[in-house]
Amino acid sequence: MIDNKPLISIDSEELKFRFELGKQSYCDLKVSNNTEHHVAIKVKTTSPKKYFVRPNSGVIDPLGSCIIRVTLQLNRNFPPDMKSKDKFLLQSTVVSPNIKVDDLRPDIFNKDSGRTIEESKLKVVYMLPNSAKVNTDDETLKRSRQSPHNNQVLQPLKEERDAAVQQTQQLQQELEMLKRRRQRRSNPGFSIKFALFAAAIGVALGFLLKLLLSSPSAE
Protein backbone atom coordinates (compact mmCIF):
# COMPACT_ATOMS: atom_id res chain seq x y z
CA MET A 1 0.00 0.00 0.00
CA ILE A 2 1.35 3.38 -1.05
CA ASP A 3 -0.05 6.68 0.22
CA ASN A 4 -2.81 4.76 2.00
CA LYS A 5 -3.98 3.35 -1.33
CA PRO A 6 -3.92 -0.31 -2.35
CA LEU A 7 -1.55 -1.17 -5.16
CA ILE A 8 -4.32 -2.49 -7.37
CA SER A 9 -8.10 -2.38 -7.67
CA ILE A 10 -10.37 -5.07 -9.13
CA ASP A 11 -13.68 -4.40 -10.80
CA SER A 12 -15.37 -7.25 -8.89
CA GLU A 13 -14.78 -9.31 -5.78
CA GLU A 14 -16.59 -12.28 -7.33
CA LEU A 15 -15.87 -14.54 -10.27
CA LYS A 16 -19.30 -15.21 -11.80
CA PHE A 17 -19.66 -18.18 -14.15
CA ARG A 18 -22.73 -19.26 -16.10
CA PHE A 19 -22.78 -22.96 -15.31
CA GLU A 20 -23.71 -25.23 -18.23
CA LEU A 21 -23.14 -28.97 -18.46
CA GLY A 22 -20.65 -30.01 -21.12
CA LYS A 23 -19.57 -26.43 -21.82
CA GLN A 24 -16.82 -24.07 -20.77
CA SER A 25 -17.59 -20.69 -19.29
CA TYR A 26 -15.37 -17.75 -18.52
CA CYS A 27 -15.21 -14.59 -16.47
CA ASP A 28 -13.08 -11.49 -17.12
CA LEU A 29 -11.50 -9.42 -14.38
CA LYS A 30 -10.15 -5.92 -14.90
CA VAL A 31 -7.16 -5.19 -12.68
CA SER A 32 -5.97 -1.57 -12.43
CA ASN A 33 -2.68 -0.21 -11.08
CA ASN A 34 -3.42 2.62 -8.64
CA THR A 35 0.18 3.78 -8.34
CA GLU A 36 2.88 5.44 -10.40
CA HIS A 37 5.07 2.35 -10.03
CA HIS A 38 5.26 -0.90 -11.94
CA VAL A 39 3.25 -3.57 -10.15
CA ALA A 40 3.61 -7.32 -10.62
CA ILE A 41 0.56 -9.54 -10.12
CA LYS A 42 -0.03 -13.27 -9.77
CA VAL A 43 -3.27 -15.29 -9.63
CA LYS A 44 -3.61 -18.41 -7.49
CA THR A 45 -6.58 -20.73 -6.97
CA THR A 46 -7.52 -23.58 -4.67
CA SER A 47 -8.63 -25.68 -7.70
CA PRO A 48 -5.98 -25.24 -10.41
CA LYS A 49 -7.27 -28.23 -12.43
CA LYS A 50 -10.75 -26.72 -12.83
CA TYR A 51 -9.72 -23.29 -14.05
CA PHE A 52 -7.55 -21.93 -16.82
CA VAL A 53 -6.16 -18.45 -16.04
CA ARG A 54 -4.55 -16.23 -18.68
CA PRO A 55 -2.44 -14.39 -17.88
CA ASN A 56 -1.83 -15.89 -14.46
CA SER A 57 0.98 -13.40 -13.85
CA GLY A 58 2.20 -10.13 -15.32
CA VAL A 59 3.43 -6.59 -14.81
CA ILE A 60 1.05 -3.62 -14.99
CA ASP A 61 2.42 -0.24 -16.02
CA PRO A 62 1.90 2.81 -13.78
CA LEU A 63 -1.79 3.78 -13.68
CA GLY A 64 -2.43 1.10 -16.30
CA SER A 65 -4.72 -1.91 -16.31
CA CYS A 66 -5.04 -5.42 -17.70
CA ILE A 67 -7.75 -8.03 -18.28
CA ILE A 68 -7.45 -11.48 -16.74
CA ARG A 69 -9.68 -14.19 -18.21
CA VAL A 70 -10.55 -17.12 -15.97
CA THR A 71 -12.06 -20.11 -17.81
CA LEU A 72 -14.07 -22.79 -16.03
CA GLN A 73 -13.37 -26.15 -17.67
CA LEU A 74 -16.03 -28.59 -18.95
CA ASN A 75 -18.69 -29.30 -16.36
CA ARG A 76 -20.04 -32.83 -16.06
CA ASN A 77 -22.16 -32.48 -12.92
CA PHE A 78 -24.03 -29.72 -11.18
CA PRO A 79 -22.46 -28.75 -7.84
CA PRO A 80 -24.64 -29.17 -4.72
CA ASP A 81 -27.00 -26.18 -4.32
CA MET A 82 -25.12 -24.50 -7.20
CA LYS A 83 -22.51 -23.30 -4.73
CA SER A 84 -18.74 -23.36 -5.11
CA LYS A 85 -16.08 -23.56 -2.44
CA ASP A 86 -13.34 -22.57 -4.86
CA LYS A 87 -11.39 -19.42 -4.08
CA PHE A 88 -8.90 -17.21 -5.88
CA LEU A 89 -6.06 -15.10 -4.55
CA LEU A 90 -4.61 -12.14 -6.45
CA GLN A 91 -1.18 -11.06 -5.19
CA SER A 92 0.55 -7.80 -6.09
CA THR A 93 3.88 -6.15 -5.33
CA VAL A 94 5.94 -3.21 -6.60
CA VAL A 95 8.79 -4.11 -8.97
CA SER A 96 11.50 -2.22 -10.83
CA PRO A 97 10.56 -0.46 -14.09
CA ASN A 98 12.82 -2.63 -16.28
CA ILE A 99 11.54 -5.99 -15.10
CA LYS A 100 9.69 -8.22 -17.56
CA VAL A 101 7.20 -11.01 -17.05
CA ASP A 102 9.78 -13.66 -17.88
CA ASP A 103 12.09 -12.17 -15.26
CA LEU A 104 9.64 -12.64 -12.40
CA ARG A 105 11.18 -15.12 -9.99
CA PRO A 106 8.94 -17.74 -8.32
CA ASP A 107 9.77 -16.35 -4.88
CA ILE A 108 8.93 -12.73 -5.75
CA PHE A 109 5.49 -13.15 -4.16
CA ASN A 110 6.87 -14.94 -1.12
CA LYS A 111 6.26 -12.95 2.05
CA ASP A 112 9.46 -14.33 3.56
CA SER A 113 11.46 -12.42 0.93
CA GLY A 114 10.85 -9.19 2.85
CA ARG A 115 8.86 -7.60 0.06
CA THR A 116 5.50 -5.98 0.68
CA ILE A 117 2.88 -8.32 -0.78
CA GLU A 118 -0.75 -7.31 -1.03
CA GLU A 119 -3.45 -9.95 -1.43
CA SER A 120 -7.02 -9.76 -2.69
CA LYS A 121 -9.36 -12.70 -2.16
CA LEU A 122 -12.03 -13.56 -4.72
CA LYS A 123 -14.84 -16.06 -4.43
CA VAL A 124 -16.57 -18.06 -7.15
CA VAL A 125 -20.29 -17.74 -7.90
CA TYR A 126 -22.19 -20.11 -10.22
CA MET A 127 -25.26 -18.96 -12.12
CA LEU A 128 -27.74 -20.82 -14.32
CA PRO A 129 -27.91 -19.32 -17.84
CA ASN A 130 -31.70 -18.82 -17.79
CA SER A 131 -31.83 -17.20 -14.37
CA ALA A 132 -28.87 -14.98 -15.25
CA LYS A 133 -30.63 -13.84 -18.42
CA VAL A 134 -33.87 -13.12 -16.54
CA ASN A 135 -32.06 -11.16 -13.88
CA THR A 136 -30.23 -9.16 -16.53
CA ASP A 137 -33.45 -8.37 -18.39
CA ASP A 138 -35.22 -7.34 -15.18
CA GLU A 139 -32.35 -5.09 -14.19
CA THR A 140 -32.25 -3.50 -17.65
CA LEU A 141 -35.99 -2.87 -17.55
CA LYS A 142 -35.69 -1.36 -14.08
CA ARG A 143 -32.93 0.99 -15.18
CA SER A 144 -34.87 2.05 -18.26
CA ARG A 145 -37.88 2.95 -16.12
CA GLN A 146 -35.76 4.97 -13.72
CA SER A 147 -33.73 6.77 -16.39
CA PRO A 148 -34.91 10.36 -17.10
CA HIS A 149 -33.29 10.22 -20.53
CA ASN A 150 -35.36 7.18 -21.50
CA ASN A 151 -38.52 8.93 -20.30
CA GLN A 152 -37.73 11.91 -22.55
CA VAL A 153 -37.31 9.56 -25.49
CA LEU A 154 -40.45 7.55 -24.81
CA GLN A 155 -42.75 10.56 -24.31
CA PRO A 156 -42.61 11.77 -27.98
CA LEU A 157 -43.09 8.19 -29.15
CA LYS A 158 -46.19 7.89 -27.01
CA GLU A 159 -47.60 11.15 -28.39
CA GLU A 160 -46.96 9.98 -31.96
CA ARG A 161 -48.69 6.69 -31.20
CA ASP A 162 -51.77 8.45 -29.78
CA ALA A 163 -51.94 10.76 -32.82
CA ALA A 164 -51.71 7.78 -35.15
CA VAL A 165 -54.56 6.05 -33.31
CA GLN A 166 -56.71 9.18 -33.55
CA GLN A 167 -56.06 9.52 -37.28
CA THR A 168 -56.96 5.87 -37.78
CA GLN A 169 -60.27 6.39 -36.01
CA GLN A 170 -61.06 9.45 -38.18
CA LEU A 171 -60.28 7.49 -41.34
CA GLN A 172 -62.56 4.69 -40.20
CA GLN A 173 -65.42 7.16 -39.63
CA GLU A 174 -64.96 8.75 -43.06
CA LEU A 175 -64.88 5.32 -44.67
CA GLU A 176 -68.14 4.41 -42.95
CA MET A 177 -69.79 7.58 -44.25
CA LEU A 178 -68.65 6.81 -47.80
CA LYS A 179 -70.09 3.31 -47.52
CA ARG A 180 -73.44 4.70 -46.43
CA ARG A 181 -73.55 7.19 -49.33
CA ARG A 182 -72.67 4.46 -51.79
CA GLN A 183 -75.41 2.22 -50.42
CA ARG A 184 -77.98 5.02 -50.78
CA ARG A 185 -76.98 5.66 -54.38
CA SER A 186 -77.16 1.98 -55.26
CA ASN A 187 -80.62 1.56 -53.59
CA PRO A 188 -83.30 1.39 -56.41
CA GLY A 189 -86.12 2.19 -53.99
CA PHE A 190 -84.45 5.45 -53.13
CA SER A 191 -84.15 6.39 -56.84
CA ILE A 192 -87.87 5.63 -57.51
CA LYS A 193 -88.96 7.63 -54.48
CA PHE A 194 -86.83 10.54 -55.57
CA ALA A 195 -88.30 10.40 -59.12
CA LEU A 196 -91.89 10.30 -57.85
CA PHE A 197 -91.19 13.18 -55.50
CA ALA A 198 -89.72 15.26 -58.35
CA ALA A 199 -92.71 14.42 -60.60
CA ALA A 200 -95.16 15.47 -57.90
CA ILE A 201 -93.38 18.79 -57.52
CA GLY A 202 -93.52 19.28 -61.29
CA VAL A 203 -97.27 18.58 -61.42
CA ALA A 204 -97.93 20.97 -58.57
CA LEU A 205 -95.94 23.73 -60.22
CA GLY A 206 -97.77 23.16 -63.52
CA PHE A 207 -101.15 23.32 -61.81
CA LEU A 208 -100.26 26.58 -60.06
CA LEU A 209 -98.99 28.09 -63.32
CA LYS A 210 -102.22 27.11 -65.11
CA LEU A 211 -104.32 28.76 -62.42
CA LEU A 212 -102.34 31.99 -62.70
CA LEU A 213 -102.73 32.14 -66.48
CA SER A 214 -106.47 31.33 -66.43
CA SER A 215 -107.43 33.89 -63.78
CA PRO A 216 -109.36 37.04 -65.15
CA SER A 217 -107.41 40.26 -65.33
CA ALA A 218 -108.65 43.35 -63.49
CA GLU A 219 -110.16 46.20 -65.61
C-alpha atoms as a PDB file:
ATOM      1  CA  MET A   1       0.000   0.000   0.000  1.00  0.00           C
ATOM      2  CA  ILE A   2       1.346   3.383  -1.055  1.00  0.00           C
ATOM      3  CA  ASP A   3      -0.054   6.682   0.221  1.00  0.00           C
ATOM      4  CA  ASN A   4      -2.814   4.763   2.003  1.00  0.00           C
ATOM      5  CA  LYS A   5      -3.977   3.348  -1.331  1.00  0.00           C
ATOM      6  CA  PRO A   6      -3.924  -0.306  -2.349  1.00  0.00           C
ATOM      7  CA  LEU A   7      -1.555  -1.167  -5.162  1.00  0.00           C
ATOM      8  CA  ILE A   8      -4.324  -2.494  -7.372  1.00  0.00           C
ATOM      9  CA  SER A   9      -8.103  -2.379  -7.667  1.00  0.00           C
ATOM     10  CA  ILE A  10     -10.367  -5.067  -9.128  1.00  0.00           C
ATOM     11  CA  ASP A  11     -13.685  -4.398 -10.800  1.00  0.00           C
ATOM     12  CA  SER A  12     -15.367  -7.250  -8.889  1.00  0.00           C
ATOM     13  CA  GLU A  13     -14.781  -9.305  -5.777  1.00  0.00           C
ATOM     14  CA  GLU A  14     -16.587 -12.279  -7.329  1.00  0.00           C
ATOM     15  CA  LEU A  15     -15.872 -14.539 -10.274  1.00  0.00           C
ATOM     16  CA  LYS A  16     -19.298 -15.215 -11.805  1.00  0.00           C
ATOM     17  CA  PHE A  17     -19.657 -18.182 -14.147  1.00  0.00           C
ATOM     18  CA  ARG A  18     -22.735 -19.258 -16.095  1.00  0.00           C
ATOM     19  CA  PHE A  19     -22.779 -22.957 -15.306  1.00  0.00           C
ATOM     20  CA  GLU A  20     -23.707 -25.230 -18.234  1.00  0.00           C
ATOM     21  CA  LEU A  21     -23.137 -28.967 -18.456  1.00  0.00           C
ATOM     22  CA  GLY A  22     -20.649 -30.008 -21.121  1.00  0.00           C
ATOM     23  CA  LYS A  23     -19.567 -26.433 -21.822  1.00  0.00           C
ATOM     24  CA  GLN A  24     -16.816 -24.074 -20.770  1.00  0.00           C
ATOM     25  CA  SER A  25     -17.595 -20.689 -19.292  1.00  0.00           C
ATOM     26  CA  TYR A  26     -15.372 -17.752 -18.520  1.00  0.00           C
ATOM     27  CA  CYS A  27     -15.206 -14.587 -16.466  1.00  0.00           C
ATOM     28  CA  ASP A  28     -13.082 -11.493 -17.119  1.00  0.00           C
ATOM     29  CA  LEU A  29     -11.497  -9.419 -14.385  1.00  0.00           C
ATOM     30  CA  LYS A  30     -10.149  -5.917 -14.897  1.00  0.00           C
ATOM     31  CA  VAL A  31      -7.161  -5.185 -12.679  1.00  0.00           C
ATOM     32  CA  SER A  32      -5.967  -1.566 -12.425  1.00  0.00           C
ATOM     33  CA  ASN A  33      -2.685  -0.215 -11.083  1.00  0.00           C
ATOM     34  CA  ASN A  34      -3.423   2.619  -8.644  1.00  0.00           C
ATOM     35  CA  THR A  35       0.179   3.781  -8.341  1.00  0.00           C
ATOM     36  CA  GLU A  36       2.883   5.442 -10.397  1.00  0.00           C
ATOM     37  CA  HIS A  37       5.066   2.348 -10.027  1.00  0.00           C
ATOM     38  CA  HIS A  38       5.262  -0.903 -11.944  1.00  0.00           C
ATOM     39  CA  VAL A  39       3.254  -3.571 -10.145  1.00  0.00           C
ATOM     40  CA  ALA A  40       3.615  -7.318 -10.623  1.00  0.00           C
ATOM     41  CA  ILE A  41       0.556  -9.539 -10.122  1.00  0.00           C
ATOM     42  CA  LYS A  42      -0.035 -13.271  -9.772  1.00  0.00           C
ATOM     43  CA  VAL A  43      -3.265 -15.292  -9.631  1.00  0.00           C
ATOM     44  CA  LYS A  44      -3.613 -18.408  -7.492  1.00  0.00           C
ATOM     45  CA  THR A  45      -6.583 -20.731  -6.966  1.00  0.00           C
ATOM     46  CA  THR A  46      -7.516 -23.581  -4.666  1.00  0.00           C
ATOM     47  CA  SER A  47      -8.630 -25.682  -7.696  1.00  0.00           C
ATOM     48  CA  PRO A  48      -5.981 -25.238 -10.406  1.00  0.00           C
ATOM     49  CA  LYS A  49      -7.271 -28.233 -12.431  1.00  0.00           C
ATOM     50  CA  LYS A  50     -10.748 -26.725 -12.833  1.00  0.00           C
ATOM     51  CA  TYR A  51      -9.723 -23.289 -14.050  1.00  0.00           C
ATOM     52  CA  PHE A  52      -7.549 -21.926 -16.818  1.00  0.00           C
ATOM     53  CA  VAL A  53      -6.156 -18.448 -16.039  1.00  0.00           C
ATOM     54  CA  ARG A  54      -4.554 -16.229 -18.675  1.00  0.00           C
ATOM     55  CA  PRO A  55      -2.444 -14.392 -17.877  1.00  0.00           C
ATOM     56  CA  ASN A  56      -1.834 -15.892 -14.459  1.00  0.00           C
ATOM     57  CA  SER A  57       0.975 -13.396 -13.850  1.00  0.00           C
ATOM     58  CA  GLY A  58       2.201 -10.131 -15.324  1.00  0.00           C
ATOM     59  CA  VAL A  59       3.427  -6.590 -14.813  1.00  0.00           C
ATOM     60  CA  ILE A  60       1.054  -3.617 -14.990  1.00  0.00           C
ATOM     61  CA  ASP A  61       2.418  -0.236 -16.019  1.00  0.00           C
ATOM     62  CA  PRO A  62       1.902   2.814 -13.775  1.00  0.00           C
ATOM     63  CA  LEU A  63      -1.786   3.782 -13.676  1.00  0.00           C
ATOM     64  CA  GLY A  64      -2.432   1.101 -16.296  1.00  0.00           C
ATOM     65  CA  SER A  65      -4.720  -1.912 -16.310  1.00  0.00           C
ATOM     66  CA  CYS A  66      -5.036  -5.418 -17.701  1.00  0.00           C
ATOM     67  CA  ILE A  67      -7.752  -8.032 -18.281  1.00  0.00           C
ATOM     68  CA  ILE A  68      -7.455 -11.482 -16.738  1.00  0.00           C
ATOM     69  CA  ARG A  69      -9.684 -14.188 -18.207  1.00  0.00           C
ATOM     70  CA  VAL A  70     -10.554 -17.123 -15.966  1.00  0.00           C
ATOM     71  CA  THR A  71     -12.065 -20.107 -17.805  1.00  0.00           C
ATOM     72  CA  LEU A  72     -14.070 -22.792 -16.029  1.00  0.00           C
ATOM     73  CA  GLN A  73     -13.366 -26.147 -17.672  1.00  0.00           C
ATOM     74  CA  LEU A  74     -16.029 -28.588 -18.952  1.00  0.00           C
ATOM     75  CA  ASN A  75     -18.693 -29.302 -16.358  1.00  0.00           C
ATOM     76  CA  ARG A  76     -20.044 -32.829 -16.063  1.00  0.00           C
ATOM     77  CA  ASN A  77     -22.162 -32.485 -12.920  1.00  0.00           C
ATOM     78  CA  PHE A  78     -24.029 -29.717 -11.176  1.00  0.00           C
ATOM     79  CA  PRO A  79     -22.457 -28.750  -7.843  1.00  0.00           C
ATOM     80  CA  PRO A  80     -24.637 -29.170  -4.716  1.00  0.00           C
ATOM     81  CA  ASP A  81     -26.995 -26.183  -4.321  1.00  0.00           C
ATOM     82  CA  MET A  82     -25.118 -24.501  -7.200  1.00  0.00           C
ATOM     83  CA  LYS A  83     -22.506 -23.303  -4.730  1.00  0.00           C
ATOM     84  CA  SER A  84     -18.740 -23.365  -5.108  1.00  0.00           C
ATOM     85  CA  LYS A  85     -16.077 -23.555  -2.439  1.00  0.00           C
ATOM     86  CA  ASP A  86     -13.341 -22.566  -4.860  1.00  0.00           C
ATOM     87  CA  LYS A  87     -11.390 -19.420  -4.084  1.00  0.00           C
ATOM     88  CA  PHE A  88      -8.902 -17.211  -5.881  1.00  0.00           C
ATOM     89  CA  LEU A  89      -6.059 -15.102  -4.548  1.00  0.00           C
ATOM     90  CA  LEU A  90      -4.608 -12.143  -6.454  1.00  0.00           C
ATOM     91  CA  GLN A  91      -1.177 -11.064  -5.186  1.00  0.00           C
ATOM     92  CA  SER A  92       0.545  -7.799  -6.088  1.00  0.00           C
ATOM     93  CA  THR A  93       3.876  -6.149  -5.334  1.00  0.00           C
ATOM     94  CA  VAL A  94       5.936  -3.213  -6.603  1.00  0.00           C
ATOM     95  CA  VAL A  95       8.794  -4.111  -8.968  1.00  0.00           C
ATOM     96  CA  SER A  96      11.501  -2.224 -10.830  1.00  0.00           C
ATOM     97  CA  PRO A  97      10.558  -0.461 -14.087  1.00  0.00           C
ATOM     98  CA  ASN A  98      12.818  -2.628 -16.277  1.00  0.00           C
ATOM     99  CA  ILE A  99      11.542  -5.990 -15.098  1.00  0.00           C
ATOM    100  CA  LYS A 100       9.686  -8.218 -17.560  1.00  0.00           C
ATOM    101  CA  VAL A 101       7.201 -11.006 -17.049  1.00  0.00           C
ATOM    102  CA  ASP A 102       9.784 -13.663 -17.879  1.00  0.00           C
ATOM    103  CA  ASP A 103      12.088 -12.165 -15.262  1.00  0.00           C
ATOM    104  CA  LEU A 104       9.638 -12.641 -12.396  1.00  0.00           C
ATOM    105  CA  ARG A 105      11.177 -15.125  -9.988  1.00  0.00           C
ATOM    106  CA  PRO A 106       8.943 -17.742  -8.315  1.00  0.00           C
ATOM    107  CA  ASP A 107       9.775 -16.350  -4.877  1.00  0.00           C
ATOM    108  CA  ILE A 108       8.930 -12.729  -5.753  1.00  0.00           C
ATOM    109  CA  PHE A 109       5.495 -13.148  -4.158  1.00  0.00           C
ATOM    110  CA  ASN A 110       6.867 -14.943  -1.125  1.00  0.00           C
ATOM    111  CA  LYS A 111       6.258 -12.947   2.055  1.00  0.00           C
ATOM    112  CA  ASP A 112       9.462 -14.331   3.559  1.00  0.00           C
ATOM    113  CA  SER A 113      11.458 -12.415   0.931  1.00  0.00           C
ATOM    114  CA  GLY A 114      10.854  -9.194   2.848  1.00  0.00           C
ATOM    115  CA  ARG A 115       8.861  -7.598   0.063  1.00  0.00           C
ATOM    116  CA  THR A 116       5.497  -5.981   0.681  1.00  0.00           C
ATOM    117  CA  ILE A 117       2.878  -8.316  -0.777  1.00  0.00           C
ATOM    118  CA  GLU A 118      -0.748  -7.308  -1.027  1.00  0.00           C
ATOM    119  CA  GLU A 119      -3.447  -9.952  -1.427  1.00  0.00           C
ATOM    120  CA  SER A 120      -7.018  -9.758  -2.694  1.00  0.00           C
ATOM    121  CA  LYS A 121      -9.360 -12.699  -2.165  1.00  0.00           C
ATOM    122  CA  LEU A 122     -12.027 -13.557  -4.725  1.00  0.00           C
ATOM    123  CA  LYS A 123     -14.839 -16.063  -4.430  1.00  0.00           C
ATOM    124  CA  VAL A 124     -16.571 -18.062  -7.146  1.00  0.00           C
ATOM    125  CA  VAL A 125     -20.287 -17.745  -7.899  1.00  0.00           C
ATOM    126  CA  TYR A 126     -22.194 -20.111 -10.217  1.00  0.00           C
ATOM    127  CA  MET A 127     -25.264 -18.963 -12.122  1.00  0.00           C
ATOM    128  CA  LEU A 128     -27.743 -20.815 -14.316  1.00  0.00           C
ATOM    129  CA  PRO A 129     -27.915 -19.316 -17.837  1.00  0.00           C
ATOM    130  CA  ASN A 130     -31.701 -18.824 -17.791  1.00  0.00           C
ATOM    131  CA  SER A 131     -31.826 -17.199 -14.369  1.00  0.00           C
ATOM    132  CA  ALA A 132     -28.875 -14.980 -15.253  1.00  0.00           C
ATOM    133  CA  LYS A 133     -30.633 -13.843 -18.416  1.00  0.00           C
ATOM    134  CA  VAL A 134     -33.869 -13.125 -16.545  1.00  0.00           C
ATOM    135  CA  ASN A 135     -32.062 -11.160 -13.875  1.00  0.00           C
ATOM    136  CA  THR A 136     -30.227  -9.165 -16.533  1.00  0.00           C
ATOM    137  CA  ASP A 137     -33.454  -8.374 -18.388  1.00  0.00           C
ATOM    138  CA  ASP A 138     -35.216  -7.339 -15.185  1.00  0.00           C
ATOM    139  CA  GLU A 139     -32.347  -5.092 -14.188  1.00  0.00           C
ATOM    140  CA  THR A 140     -32.250  -3.499 -17.651  1.00  0.00           C
ATOM    141  CA  LEU A 141     -35.986  -2.867 -17.555  1.00  0.00           C
ATOM    142  CA  LYS A 142     -35.694  -1.362 -14.083  1.00  0.00           C
ATOM    143  CA  ARG A 143     -32.926   0.991 -15.179  1.00  0.00           C
ATOM    144  CA  SER A 144     -34.874   2.053 -18.259  1.00  0.00           C
ATOM    145  CA  ARG A 145     -37.878   2.951 -16.123  1.00  0.00           C
ATOM    146  CA  GLN A 146     -35.759   4.967 -13.725  1.00  0.00           C
ATOM    147  CA  SER A 147     -33.725   6.766 -16.387  1.00  0.00           C
ATOM    148  CA  PRO A 148     -34.915  10.364 -17.105  1.00  0.00           C
ATOM    149  CA  HIS A 149     -33.293  10.224 -20.531  1.00  0.00           C
ATOM    150  CA  ASN A 150     -35.362   7.184 -21.502  1.00  0.00           C
ATOM    151  CA  ASN A 151     -38.522   8.934 -20.303  1.00  0.00           C
ATOM    152  CA  GLN A 152     -37.734  11.905 -22.549  1.00  0.00           C
ATOM    153  CA  VAL A 153     -37.306   9.565 -25.494  1.00  0.00           C
ATOM    154  CA  LEU A 154     -40.448   7.550 -24.810  1.00  0.00           C
ATOM    155  CA  GLN A 155     -42.754  10.559 -24.308  1.00  0.00           C
ATOM    156  CA  PRO A 156     -42.611  11.769 -27.977  1.00  0.00           C
ATOM    157  CA  LEU A 157     -43.092   8.194 -29.149  1.00  0.00           C
ATOM    158  CA  LYS A 158     -46.193   7.892 -27.006  1.00  0.00           C
ATOM    159  CA  GLU A 159     -47.598  11.147 -28.391  1.00  0.00           C
ATOM    160  CA  GLU A 160     -46.963   9.981 -31.959  1.00  0.00           C
ATOM    161  CA  ARG A 161     -48.688   6.687 -31.205  1.00  0.00           C
ATOM    162  CA  ASP A 162     -51.767   8.450 -29.783  1.00  0.00           C
ATOM    163  CA  ALA A 163     -51.935  10.762 -32.821  1.00  0.00           C
ATOM    164  CA  ALA A 164     -51.712   7.784 -35.153  1.00  0.00           C
ATOM    165  CA  VAL A 165     -54.561   6.048 -33.311  1.00  0.00           C
ATOM    166  CA  GLN A 166     -56.710   9.184 -33.553  1.00  0.00           C
ATOM    167  CA  GLN A 167     -56.058   9.521 -37.278  1.00  0.00           C
ATOM    168  CA  THR A 168     -56.959   5.875 -37.785  1.00  0.00           C
ATOM    169  CA  GLN A 169     -60.268   6.386 -36.011  1.00  0.00           C
ATOM    170  CA  GLN A 170     -61.064   9.448 -38.177  1.00  0.00           C
ATOM    171  CA  LEU A 171     -60.282   7.487 -41.342  1.00  0.00           C
ATOM    172  CA  GLN A 172     -62.563   4.691 -40.205  1.00  0.00           C
ATOM    173  CA  GLN A 173     -65.418   7.163 -39.628  1.00  0.00           C
ATOM    174  CA  GLU A 174     -64.957   8.753 -43.065  1.00  0.00           C
ATOM    175  CA  LEU A 175     -64.877   5.320 -44.673  1.00  0.00           C
ATOM    176  CA  GLU A 176     -68.144   4.406 -42.946  1.00  0.00           C
ATOM    177  CA  MET A 177     -69.791   7.585 -44.248  1.00  0.00           C
ATOM    178  CA  LEU A 178     -68.647   6.810 -47.797  1.00  0.00           C
ATOM    179  CA  LYS A 179     -70.094   3.312 -47.520  1.00  0.00           C
ATOM    180  CA  ARG A 180     -73.438   4.702 -46.427  1.00  0.00           C
ATOM    181  CA  ARG A 181     -73.547   7.193 -49.332  1.00  0.00           C
ATOM    182  CA  ARG A 182     -72.669   4.460 -51.793  1.00  0.00           C
ATOM    183  CA  GLN A 183     -75.413   2.225 -50.421  1.00  0.00           C
ATOM    184  CA  ARG A 184     -77.982   5.021 -50.780  1.00  0.00           C
ATOM    185  CA  ARG A 185     -76.979   5.663 -54.383  1.00  0.00           C
ATOM    186  CA  SER A 186     -77.162   1.983 -55.257  1.00  0.00           C
ATOM    187  CA  ASN A 187     -80.623   1.565 -53.591  1.00  0.00           C
ATOM    188  CA  PRO A 188     -83.299   1.389 -56.409  1.00  0.00           C
ATOM    189  CA  GLY A 189     -86.119   2.191 -53.991  1.00  0.00           C
ATOM    190  CA  PHE A 190     -84.445   5.449 -53.134  1.00  0.00           C
ATOM    191  CA  SER A 191     -84.151   6.392 -56.839  1.00  0.00           C
ATOM    192  CA  ILE A 192     -87.869   5.628 -57.515  1.00  0.00           C
ATOM    193  CA  LYS A 193     -88.964   7.632 -54.481  1.00  0.00           C
ATOM    194  CA  PHE A 194     -86.827  10.537 -55.568  1.00  0.00           C
ATOM    195  CA  ALA A 195     -88.297  10.397 -59.123  1.00  0.00           C
ATOM    196  CA  LEU A 196     -91.894  10.295 -57.849  1.00  0.00           C
ATOM    197  CA  PHE A 197     -91.185  13.176 -55.495  1.00  0.00           C
ATOM    198  CA  ALA A 198     -89.716  15.256 -58.347  1.00  0.00           C
ATOM    199  CA  ALA A 199     -92.707  14.415 -60.604  1.00  0.00           C
ATOM    200  CA  ALA A 200     -95.163  15.470 -57.899  1.00  0.00           C
ATOM    201  CA  ILE A 201     -93.377  18.787 -57.522  1.00  0.00           C
ATOM    202  CA  GLY A 202     -93.518  19.280 -61.290  1.00  0.00           C
ATOM    203  CA  VAL A 203     -97.275  18.580 -61.425  1.00  0.00           C
ATOM    204  CA  ALA A 204     -97.926  20.975 -58.568  1.00  0.00           C
ATOM    205  CA  LEU A 205     -95.945  23.734 -60.223  1.00  0.00           C
ATOM    206  CA  GLY A 206     -97.767  23.159 -63.522  1.00  0.00           C
ATOM    207  CA  PHE A 207    -101.148  23.323 -61.811  1.00  0.00           C
ATOM    208  CA  LEU A 208    -100.256  26.581 -60.064  1.00  0.00           C
ATOM    209  CA  LEU A 209     -98.988  28.092 -63.318  1.00  0.00           C
ATOM    210  CA  LYS A 210    -102.220  27.113 -65.108  1.00  0.00           C
ATOM    211  CA  LEU A 211    -104.322  28.765 -62.420  1.00  0.00           C
ATOM    212  CA  LEU A 212    -102.339  31.987 -62.701  1.00  0.00           C
ATOM    213  CA  LEU A 213    -102.728  32.139 -66.483  1.00  0.00           C
ATOM    214  CA  SER A 214    -106.466  31.326 -66.429  1.00  0.00           C
ATOM    215  CA  SER A 215    -107.435  33.895 -63.782  1.00  0.00           C
ATOM    216  CA  PRO A 216    -109.363  37.043 -65.148  1.00  0.00           C
ATOM    217  CA  SER A 217    -107.406  40.263 -65.334  1.00  0.00           C
ATOM    218  CA  ALA A 218    -108.646  43.349 -63.487  1.00  0.00           C
ATOM    219  CA  GLU A 219    -110.161  46.195 -65.609  1.00  0.00           C
END
